[in-house]
PDB file of all heavy atoms in Angstrom:
ATOM      1  N   LEU A   1     -76.315  18.917 -23.875  1.00  0.00           N
ATOM      2  CA  LEU A   1     -75.373  19.844 -24.435  1.00  0.00           C
ATOM      3  C   LEU A   1     -75.237  19.635 -25.946  1.00  0.00           C
ATOM      4  O   LEU A   1     -75.438  18.585 -26.479  1.00  0.00           O
ATOM      5  CB  LEU A   1     -73.997  19.612 -23.744  1.00  0.00           C
ATOM      6  CG  LEU A   1     -73.936  19.864 -22.259  1.00  0.00           C
ATOM      7  CD1 LEU A   1     -72.548  19.463 -21.691  1.00  0.00           C
ATOM      8  CD2 LEU A   1     -74.212  21.354 -21.920  1.00  0.00           C
ATOM      9  N   PRO A   2     -74.872  20.739 -26.668  1.00  0.00           N
ATOM     10  CA  PRO A   2     -74.531  20.586 -28.107  1.00  0.00           C
ATOM     11  C   PRO A   2     -73.395  19.639 -28.328  1.00  0.00           C
ATOM     12  O   PRO A   2     -72.578  19.447 -27.475  1.00  0.00           O
ATOM     13  CB  PRO A   2     -74.262  22.077 -28.513  1.00  0.00           C
ATOM     14  CG  PRO A   2     -74.806  22.924 -27.416  1.00  0.00           C
ATOM     15  CD  PRO A   2     -74.773  22.136 -26.177  1.00  0.00           C
ATOM     16  N   ASP A   3     -73.317  19.189 -29.582  1.00  0.00           N
ATOM     17  CA  ASP A   3     -72.250  18.207 -29.901  1.00  0.00           C
ATOM     18  C   ASP A   3     -70.862  18.791 -29.653  1.00  0.00           C
ATOM     19  O   ASP A   3     -69.964  18.051 -29.206  1.00  0.00           O
ATOM     20  CB  ASP A   3     -72.358  17.753 -31.335  1.00  0.00           C
ATOM     21  CG  ASP A   3     -73.645  16.917 -31.519  1.00  0.00           C
ATOM     22  OD1 ASP A   3     -74.113  16.333 -30.551  1.00  0.00           O
ATOM     23  OD2 ASP A   3     -74.134  16.877 -32.681  1.00  0.00           O
ATOM     24  N   ASN A   4     -70.629  20.059 -29.918  1.00  0.00           N
ATOM     25  CA  ASN A   4     -69.335  20.630 -29.745  1.00  0.00           C
ATOM     26  C   ASN A   4     -68.955  20.926 -28.276  1.00  0.00           C
ATOM     27  O   ASN A   4     -67.858  21.433 -27.980  1.00  0.00           O
ATOM     28  CB  ASN A   4     -69.152  21.895 -30.604  1.00  0.00           C
ATOM     29  CG  ASN A   4     -70.205  22.938 -30.236  1.00  0.00           C
ATOM     30  OD1 ASN A   4     -71.273  22.656 -29.740  1.00  0.00           O
ATOM     31  ND2 ASN A   4     -69.897  24.206 -30.518  1.00  0.00           N
ATOM     32  N   HIS A   5     -69.887  20.729 -27.370  1.00  0.00           N
ATOM     33  CA  HIS A   5     -69.630  20.908 -25.937  1.00  0.00           C
ATOM     34  C   HIS A   5     -69.845  19.634 -25.137  1.00  0.00           C
ATOM     35  O   HIS A   5     -70.055  19.765 -23.895  1.00  0.00           O
ATOM     36  CB  HIS A   5     -70.537  22.023 -25.404  1.00  0.00           C
ATOM     37  CG  HIS A   5     -70.246  23.420 -25.957  1.00  0.00           C
ATOM     38  ND1 HIS A   5     -69.068  24.077 -25.763  1.00  0.00           N
ATOM     39  CD2 HIS A   5     -71.009  24.175 -26.784  1.00  0.00           C
ATOM     40  CE1 HIS A   5     -69.109  25.217 -26.415  1.00  0.00           C
ATOM     41  NE2 HIS A   5     -70.256  25.304 -27.043  1.00  0.00           N
ATOM     42  N   LYS A   6     -69.821  18.506 -25.784  1.00  0.00           N
ATOM     43  CA  LYS A   6     -70.100  17.267 -25.032  1.00  0.00           C
ATOM     44  C   LYS A   6     -69.041  16.970 -23.976  1.00  0.00           C
ATOM     45  O   LYS A   6     -69.336  16.389 -22.942  1.00  0.00           O
ATOM     46  CB  LYS A   6     -70.151  16.082 -26.065  1.00  0.00           C
ATOM     47  CG  LYS A   6     -71.307  16.090 -27.017  1.00  0.00           C
ATOM     48  CD  LYS A   6     -72.582  15.706 -26.311  1.00  0.00           C
ATOM     49  CE  LYS A   6     -73.712  15.597 -27.314  1.00  0.00           C
ATOM     50  NZ  LYS A   6     -74.994  15.386 -26.634  1.00  0.00           N
ATOM     51  N   ASN A   7     -67.837  17.407 -24.272  1.00  0.00           N
ATOM     52  CA  ASN A   7     -66.725  17.101 -23.347  1.00  0.00           C
ATOM     53  C   ASN A   7     -66.497  18.176 -22.288  1.00  0.00           C
ATOM     54  O   ASN A   7     -65.498  18.162 -21.608  1.00  0.00           O
ATOM     55  CB  ASN A   7     -65.408  16.841 -24.117  1.00  0.00           C
ATOM     56  CG  ASN A   7     -65.524  15.690 -25.062  1.00  0.00           C
ATOM     57  OD1 ASN A   7     -66.148  14.647 -24.722  1.00  0.00           O
ATOM     58  ND2 ASN A   7     -64.921  15.761 -26.232  1.00  0.00           N
ATOM     59  N   ILE A   8     -67.410  19.158 -22.181  1.00  0.00           N
ATOM     60  CA  ILE A   8     -67.179  20.259 -21.263  1.00  0.00           C
ATOM     61  C   ILE A   8     -67.100  19.797 -19.813  1.00  0.00           C
ATOM     62  O   ILE A   8     -66.285  20.277 -19.025  1.00  0.00           O
ATOM     63  CB  ILE A   8     -68.293  21.308 -21.415  1.00  0.00           C
ATOM     64  CG1 ILE A   8     -67.970  22.579 -20.634  1.00  0.00           C
ATOM     65  CG2 ILE A   8     -69.634  20.772 -21.009  1.00  0.00           C
ATOM     66  CD1 ILE A   8     -66.845  23.383 -21.152  1.00  0.00           C
ATOM     67  N   LEU A   9     -67.950  18.776 -19.419  1.00  0.00           N
ATOM     68  CA  LEU A   9     -67.902  18.271 -18.045  1.00  0.00           C
ATOM     69  C   LEU A   9     -66.578  17.606 -17.750  1.00  0.00           C
ATOM     70  O   LEU A   9     -66.009  17.790 -16.653  1.00  0.00           O
ATOM     71  CB  LEU A   9     -69.048  17.291 -17.788  1.00  0.00           C
ATOM     72  CG  LEU A   9     -70.444  17.947 -17.842  1.00  0.00           C
ATOM     73  CD1 LEU A   9     -71.510  16.842 -17.618  1.00  0.00           C
ATOM     74  CD2 LEU A   9     -70.620  19.014 -16.775  1.00  0.00           C
ATOM     75  N   SER A  10     -66.059  16.840 -18.717  1.00  0.00           N
ATOM     76  CA  SER A  10     -64.785  16.136 -18.480  1.00  0.00           C
ATOM     77  C   SER A  10     -63.646  17.181 -18.354  1.00  0.00           C
ATOM     78  O   SER A  10     -62.753  17.022 -17.534  1.00  0.00           O
ATOM     79  CB  SER A  10     -64.484  15.187 -19.614  1.00  0.00           C
ATOM     80  OG  SER A  10     -65.486  14.197 -19.736  1.00  0.00           O
ATOM     81  N   GLU A  11     -63.750  18.254 -19.169  1.00  0.00           N
ATOM     82  CA  GLU A  11     -62.708  19.280 -19.106  1.00  0.00           C
ATOM     83  C   GLU A  11     -62.811  20.048 -17.786  1.00  0.00           C
ATOM     84  O   GLU A  11     -61.775  20.387 -17.204  1.00  0.00           O
ATOM     85  CB  GLU A  11     -62.892  20.212 -20.249  1.00  0.00           C
ATOM     86  CG  GLU A  11     -62.571  19.599 -21.636  1.00  0.00           C
ATOM     87  CD  GLU A  11     -62.717  20.551 -22.796  1.00  0.00           C
ATOM     88  OE1 GLU A  11     -62.942  21.751 -22.503  1.00  0.00           O
ATOM     89  OE2 GLU A  11     -62.630  20.117 -23.929  1.00  0.00           O
ATOM     90  N   ILE A  12     -64.028  20.344 -17.316  1.00  0.00           N
ATOM     91  CA  ILE A  12     -64.186  21.019 -16.036  1.00  0.00           C
ATOM     92  C   ILE A  12     -63.586  20.178 -14.888  1.00  0.00           C
ATOM     93  O   ILE A  12     -62.887  20.633 -14.042  1.00  0.00           O
ATOM     94  CB  ILE A  12     -65.678  21.322 -15.739  1.00  0.00           C
ATOM     95  CG1 ILE A  12     -66.172  22.397 -16.723  1.00  0.00           C
ATOM     96  CG2 ILE A  12     -65.876  21.788 -14.288  1.00  0.00           C
ATOM     97  CD1 ILE A  12     -67.643  22.673 -16.580  1.00  0.00           C
ATOM     98  N   LYS A  13     -63.891  18.826 -14.950  1.00  0.00           N
ATOM     99  CA  LYS A  13     -63.334  17.938 -13.986  1.00  0.00           C
ATOM    100  C   LYS A  13     -61.761  17.905 -14.004  1.00  0.00           C
ATOM    101  O   LYS A  13     -61.140  17.921 -12.960  1.00  0.00           O
ATOM    102  CB  LYS A  13     -63.858  16.531 -14.226  1.00  0.00           C
ATOM    103  CG  LYS A  13     -63.382  15.456 -13.224  1.00  0.00           C
ATOM    104  CD  LYS A  13     -63.986  14.106 -13.558  1.00  0.00           C
ATOM    105  CE  LYS A  13     -63.473  13.037 -12.544  1.00  0.00           C
ATOM    106  NZ  LYS A  13     -64.023  11.669 -12.894  1.00  0.00           N
ATOM    107  N   GLN A  14     -61.231  17.927 -15.197  1.00  0.00           N
ATOM    108  CA  GLN A  14     -59.807  17.950 -15.337  1.00  0.00           C
ATOM    109  C   GLN A  14     -59.185  19.261 -14.818  1.00  0.00           C
ATOM    110  O   GLN A  14     -58.120  19.284 -14.142  1.00  0.00           O
ATOM    111  CB  GLN A  14     -59.373  17.708 -16.791  1.00  0.00           C
ATOM    112  CG  GLN A  14     -59.623  16.299 -17.278  1.00  0.00           C
ATOM    113  CD  GLN A  14     -59.235  16.143 -18.754  1.00  0.00           C
ATOM    114  OE1 GLN A  14     -58.792  17.072 -19.348  1.00  0.00           O
ATOM    115  NE2 GLN A  14     -59.483  14.920 -19.264  1.00  0.00           N
ATOM    116  N   VAL A  15     -59.868  20.380 -15.058  1.00  0.00           N
ATOM    117  CA  VAL A  15     -59.415  21.657 -14.586  1.00  0.00           C
ATOM    118  C   VAL A  15     -59.328  21.641 -13.057  1.00  0.00           C
ATOM    119  O   VAL A  15     -58.338  22.126 -12.452  1.00  0.00           O
ATOM    120  CB  VAL A  15     -60.318  22.792 -15.123  1.00  0.00           C
ATOM    121  CG1 VAL A  15     -60.049  24.097 -14.344  1.00  0.00           C
ATOM    122  CG2 VAL A  15     -60.059  22.994 -16.600  1.00  0.00           C
ATOM    123  N   PHE A  16     -60.435  21.152 -12.453  1.00  0.00           N
ATOM    124  CA  PHE A  16     -60.493  21.108 -10.964  1.00  0.00           C
ATOM    125  C   PHE A  16     -59.451  20.170 -10.416  1.00  0.00           C
ATOM    126  O   PHE A  16     -58.790  20.447  -9.430  1.00  0.00           O
ATOM    127  CB  PHE A  16     -61.883  20.762 -10.520  1.00  0.00           C
ATOM    128  CG  PHE A  16     -62.750  21.951 -10.315  1.00  0.00           C
ATOM    129  CD1 PHE A  16     -63.455  22.518 -11.394  1.00  0.00           C
ATOM    130  CD2 PHE A  16     -62.899  22.587  -9.052  1.00  0.00           C
ATOM    131  CE1 PHE A  16     -64.293  23.604 -11.170  1.00  0.00           C
ATOM    132  CE2 PHE A  16     -63.666  23.668  -8.878  1.00  0.00           C
ATOM    133  CZ  PHE A  16     -64.406  24.169  -9.946  1.00  0.00           C
ATOM    134  N   SER A  17     -59.343  18.999 -10.976  1.00  0.00           N
ATOM    135  CA  SER A  17     -58.430  17.989 -10.436  1.00  0.00           C
ATOM    136  C   SER A  17     -56.966  18.302 -10.676  1.00  0.00           C
ATOM    137  O   SER A  17     -56.126  18.094  -9.788  1.00  0.00           O
ATOM    138  CB  SER A  17     -58.770  16.630 -10.980  1.00  0.00           C
ATOM    139  OG  SER A  17     -58.597  16.598 -12.390  1.00  0.00           O
ATOM    140  N   LYS A  18     -56.634  18.830 -11.831  1.00  0.00           N
ATOM    141  CA  LYS A  18     -55.241  19.091 -12.203  1.00  0.00           C
ATOM    142  C   LYS A  18     -54.771  20.478 -11.849  1.00  0.00           C
ATOM    143  O   LYS A  18     -53.553  20.697 -11.764  1.00  0.00           O
ATOM    144  CB  LYS A  18     -55.078  18.842 -13.723  1.00  0.00           C
ATOM    145  CG  LYS A  18     -55.242  17.373 -14.098  1.00  0.00           C
ATOM    146  CD  LYS A  18     -54.948  17.217 -15.590  1.00  0.00           C
ATOM    147  CE  LYS A  18     -55.107  15.712 -15.994  1.00  0.00           C
ATOM    148  NZ  LYS A  18     -54.830  15.573 -17.421  1.00  0.00           N
ATOM    149  N   THR A  19     -55.686  21.420 -11.669  1.00  0.00           N
ATOM    150  CA  THR A  19     -55.250  22.806 -11.469  1.00  0.00           C
ATOM    151  C   THR A  19     -55.742  23.320 -10.132  1.00  0.00           C
ATOM    152  O   THR A  19     -54.905  23.631  -9.232  1.00  0.00           O
ATOM    153  CB  THR A  19     -55.775  23.707 -12.584  1.00  0.00           C
ATOM    154  OG1 THR A  19     -55.338  23.212 -13.820  1.00  0.00           O
ATOM    155  CG2 THR A  19     -55.269  25.105 -12.438  1.00  0.00           C
ATOM    156  N   ILE A  20     -57.007  23.493  -9.950  1.00  0.00           N
ATOM    157  CA  ILE A  20     -57.542  24.163  -8.772  1.00  0.00           C
ATOM    158  C   ILE A  20     -57.297  23.370  -7.517  1.00  0.00           C
ATOM    159  O   ILE A  20     -56.775  23.893  -6.496  1.00  0.00           O
ATOM    160  CB  ILE A  20     -59.035  24.541  -8.963  1.00  0.00           C
ATOM    161  CG1 ILE A  20     -59.140  25.527 -10.161  1.00  0.00           C
ATOM    162  CG2 ILE A  20     -59.585  25.138  -7.713  1.00  0.00           C
ATOM    163  CD1 ILE A  20     -60.551  25.876 -10.459  1.00  0.00           C
ATOM    164  N   LEU A  21     -57.708  22.086  -7.536  1.00  0.00           N
ATOM    165  CA  LEU A  21     -57.564  21.301  -6.343  1.00  0.00           C
ATOM    166  C   LEU A  21     -56.073  21.089  -6.007  1.00  0.00           C
ATOM    167  O   LEU A  21     -55.731  21.077  -4.817  1.00  0.00           O
ATOM    168  CB  LEU A  21     -58.229  19.908  -6.544  1.00  0.00           C
ATOM    169  CG  LEU A  21     -59.729  19.903  -6.502  1.00  0.00           C
ATOM    170  CD1 LEU A  21     -60.245  18.478  -6.696  1.00  0.00           C
ATOM    171  CD2 LEU A  21     -60.286  20.483  -5.245  1.00  0.00           C
ATOM    172  N   LYS A  22     -55.270  20.947  -7.028  1.00  0.00           N
ATOM    173  CA  LYS A  22     -53.834  20.841  -6.817  1.00  0.00           C
ATOM    174  C   LYS A  22     -53.253  22.112  -6.151  1.00  0.00           C
ATOM    175  O   LYS A  22     -52.415  22.047  -5.286  1.00  0.00           O
ATOM    176  CB  LYS A  22     -53.122  20.565  -8.143  1.00  0.00           C
ATOM    177  CG  LYS A  22     -51.658  20.153  -7.999  1.00  0.00           C
ATOM    178  CD  LYS A  22     -51.110  19.705  -9.339  1.00  0.00           C
ATOM    179  CE  LYS A  22     -49.627  19.313  -9.205  1.00  0.00           C
ATOM    180  NZ  LYS A  22     -49.061  18.917 -10.474  1.00  0.00           N
ATOM    181  N   MET A  23     -53.760  23.267  -6.681  1.00  0.00           N
ATOM    182  CA  MET A  23     -53.294  24.514  -6.086  1.00  0.00           C
ATOM    183  C   MET A  23     -53.756  24.652  -4.609  1.00  0.00           C
ATOM    184  O   MET A  23     -52.957  25.066  -3.729  1.00  0.00           O
ATOM    185  CB  MET A  23     -53.720  25.697  -6.907  1.00  0.00           C
ATOM    186  CG  MET A  23     -53.323  27.052  -6.339  1.00  0.00           C
ATOM    187  SD  MET A  23     -53.756  28.438  -7.408  1.00  0.00           S
ATOM    188  CE  MET A  23     -52.604  28.148  -8.770  1.00  0.00           C
ATOM    189  N   LEU A  24     -55.041  24.364  -4.384  1.00  0.00           N
ATOM    190  CA  LEU A  24     -55.566  24.478  -3.043  1.00  0.00           C
ATOM    191  C   LEU A  24     -54.812  23.556  -2.075  1.00  0.00           C
ATOM    192  O   LEU A  24     -54.516  23.900  -0.958  1.00  0.00           O
ATOM    193  CB  LEU A  24     -57.063  24.162  -2.999  1.00  0.00           C
ATOM    194  CG  LEU A  24     -57.953  25.185  -3.764  1.00  0.00           C
ATOM    195  CD1 LEU A  24     -59.373  24.680  -3.701  1.00  0.00           C
ATOM    196  CD2 LEU A  24     -57.843  26.548  -3.156  1.00  0.00           C
ATOM    197  N   ARG A  25     -54.550  22.344  -2.590  1.00  0.00           N
ATOM    198  CA  ARG A  25     -53.752  21.347  -1.765  1.00  0.00           C
ATOM    199  C   ARG A  25     -52.337  21.892  -1.468  1.00  0.00           C
ATOM    200  O   ARG A  25     -51.872  21.799  -0.351  1.00  0.00           O
ATOM    201  CB  ARG A  25     -53.686  20.047  -2.454  1.00  0.00           C
ATOM    202  CG  ARG A  25     -52.810  18.987  -1.790  1.00  0.00           C
ATOM    203  CD  ARG A  25     -52.777  17.688  -2.572  1.00  0.00           C
ATOM    204  NE  ARG A  25     -51.800  16.740  -2.095  1.00  0.00           N
ATOM    205  CZ  ARG A  25     -50.559  16.732  -2.524  1.00  0.00           C
ATOM    206  NH1 ARG A  25     -50.173  17.569  -3.473  1.00  0.00           N
ATOM    207  NH2 ARG A  25     -49.691  15.847  -2.033  1.00  0.00           N
ATOM    208  N   ALA A  26     -51.736  22.492  -2.495  1.00  0.00           N
ATOM    209  CA  ALA A  26     -50.390  23.006  -2.331  1.00  0.00           C
ATOM    210  C   ALA A  26     -50.309  24.160  -1.272  1.00  0.00           C
ATOM    211  O   ALA A  26     -49.509  24.136  -0.381  1.00  0.00           O
ATOM    212  CB  ALA A  26     -49.869  23.536  -3.656  1.00  0.00           C
ATOM    213  N   TYR A  27     -51.302  25.093  -1.405  1.00  0.00           N
ATOM    214  CA  TYR A  27     -51.310  26.208  -0.422  1.00  0.00           C
ATOM    215  C   TYR A  27     -51.739  25.711   0.947  1.00  0.00           C
ATOM    216  O   TYR A  27     -51.397  26.329   1.972  1.00  0.00           O
ATOM    217  CB  TYR A  27     -52.171  27.310  -0.937  1.00  0.00           C
ATOM    218  CG  TYR A  27     -51.435  28.212  -1.915  1.00  0.00           C
ATOM    219  CD1 TYR A  27     -51.767  28.208  -3.281  1.00  0.00           C
ATOM    220  CD2 TYR A  27     -50.448  29.040  -1.485  1.00  0.00           C
ATOM    221  CE1 TYR A  27     -51.117  28.986  -4.175  1.00  0.00           C
ATOM    222  CE2 TYR A  27     -49.756  29.826  -2.415  1.00  0.00           C
ATOM    223  CZ  TYR A  27     -50.128  29.804  -3.735  1.00  0.00           C
ATOM    224  OH  TYR A  27     -49.401  30.580  -4.626  1.00  0.00           O
ATOM    225  N   GLY A  28     -52.555  24.649   1.023  1.00  0.00           N
ATOM    226  CA  GLY A  28     -52.884  24.050   2.303  1.00  0.00           C
ATOM    227  C   GLY A  28     -51.639  23.530   2.973  1.00  0.00           C
ATOM    228  O   GLY A  28     -51.430  23.688   4.189  1.00  0.00           O
ATOM    229  N   ILE A  29     -50.775  22.846   2.204  1.00  0.00           N
ATOM    230  CA  ILE A  29     -49.514  22.337   2.734  1.00  0.00           C
ATOM    231  C   ILE A  29     -48.631  23.496   3.229  1.00  0.00           C
ATOM    232  O   ILE A  29     -48.028  23.440   4.304  1.00  0.00           O
ATOM    233  CB  ILE A  29     -48.776  21.467   1.675  1.00  0.00           C
ATOM    234  CG1 ILE A  29     -49.580  20.231   1.395  1.00  0.00           C
ATOM    235  CG2 ILE A  29     -47.341  21.132   2.142  1.00  0.00           C
ATOM    236  CD1 ILE A  29     -49.041  19.424   0.246  1.00  0.00           C
ATOM    237  N   ILE A  30     -48.563  24.558   2.429  1.00  0.00           N
ATOM    238  CA  ILE A  30     -47.712  25.745   2.834  1.00  0.00           C
ATOM    239  C   ILE A  30     -48.265  26.346   4.113  1.00  0.00           C
ATOM    240  O   ILE A  30     -47.492  26.723   4.978  1.00  0.00           O
ATOM    241  CB  ILE A  30     -47.684  26.773   1.684  1.00  0.00           C
ATOM    242  CG1 ILE A  30     -46.968  26.167   0.456  1.00  0.00           C
ATOM    243  CG2 ILE A  30     -47.001  28.040   2.129  1.00  0.00           C
ATOM    244  CD1 ILE A  30     -46.972  27.059  -0.783  1.00  0.00           C
ATOM    245  N   MET A  31     -49.573  26.489   4.192  1.00  0.00           N
ATOM    246  CA  MET A  31     -50.208  27.024   5.412  1.00  0.00           C
ATOM    247  C   MET A  31     -49.891  26.206   6.624  1.00  0.00           C
ATOM    248  O   MET A  31     -49.585  26.715   7.672  1.00  0.00           O
ATOM    249  CB  MET A  31     -51.673  27.163   5.185  1.00  0.00           C
ATOM    250  CG  MET A  31     -52.406  27.899   6.307  1.00  0.00           C
ATOM    251  SD  MET A  31     -54.212  27.923   6.116  1.00  0.00           S
ATOM    252  CE  MET A  31     -54.392  28.681   4.545  1.00  0.00           C
ATOM    253  N   PHE A  32     -49.962  24.835   6.429  1.00  0.00           N
ATOM    254  CA  PHE A  32     -49.658  23.953   7.568  1.00  0.00           C
ATOM    255  C   PHE A  32     -48.202  24.051   7.981  1.00  0.00           C
ATOM    256  O   PHE A  32     -47.887  24.116   9.179  1.00  0.00           O
ATOM    257  CB  PHE A  32     -49.995  22.521   7.136  1.00  0.00           C
ATOM    258  CG  PHE A  32     -49.665  21.491   8.223  1.00  0.00           C
ATOM    259  CD1 PHE A  32     -50.435  21.402   9.377  1.00  0.00           C
ATOM    260  CD2 PHE A  32     -48.547  20.669   8.078  1.00  0.00           C
ATOM    261  CE1 PHE A  32     -50.164  20.480  10.335  1.00  0.00           C
ATOM    262  CE2 PHE A  32     -48.290  19.738   9.086  1.00  0.00           C
ATOM    263  CZ  PHE A  32     -49.073  19.624  10.221  1.00  0.00           C
ATOM    264  N   ILE A  33     -47.296  24.165   7.021  1.00  0.00           N
ATOM    265  CA  ILE A  33     -45.895  24.314   7.341  1.00  0.00           C
ATOM    266  C   ILE A  33     -45.633  25.635   8.074  1.00  0.00           C
ATOM    267  O   ILE A  33     -44.907  25.672   9.056  1.00  0.00           O
ATOM    268  CB  ILE A  33     -45.009  24.270   6.037  1.00  0.00           C
ATOM    269  CG1 ILE A  33     -45.071  22.834   5.486  1.00  0.00           C
ATOM    270  CG2 ILE A  33     -43.582  24.636   6.340  1.00  0.00           C
ATOM    271  CD1 ILE A  33     -44.392  22.689   4.113  1.00  0.00           C
ATOM    272  N   THR A  34     -46.257  26.689   7.606  1.00  0.00           N
ATOM    273  CA  THR A  34     -46.122  27.986   8.291  1.00  0.00           C
ATOM    274  C   THR A  34     -46.649  27.930   9.702  1.00  0.00           C
ATOM    275  O   THR A  34     -46.061  28.498  10.678  1.00  0.00           O
ATOM    276  CB  THR A  34     -46.857  29.097   7.483  1.00  0.00           C
ATOM    277  OG1 THR A  34     -46.378  29.156   6.146  1.00  0.00           O
ATOM    278  CG2 THR A  34     -46.681  30.479   8.166  1.00  0.00           C
TER     279      THR A  34
END
């Protein structure tokens, strides 16, 4: 990767762990409660 995109993988990992996976987990809990 170019120098200005070296951290793109870490950012993608953070997006998935802090946003998408958290949201999927949250809606999974809501689905289970329902």
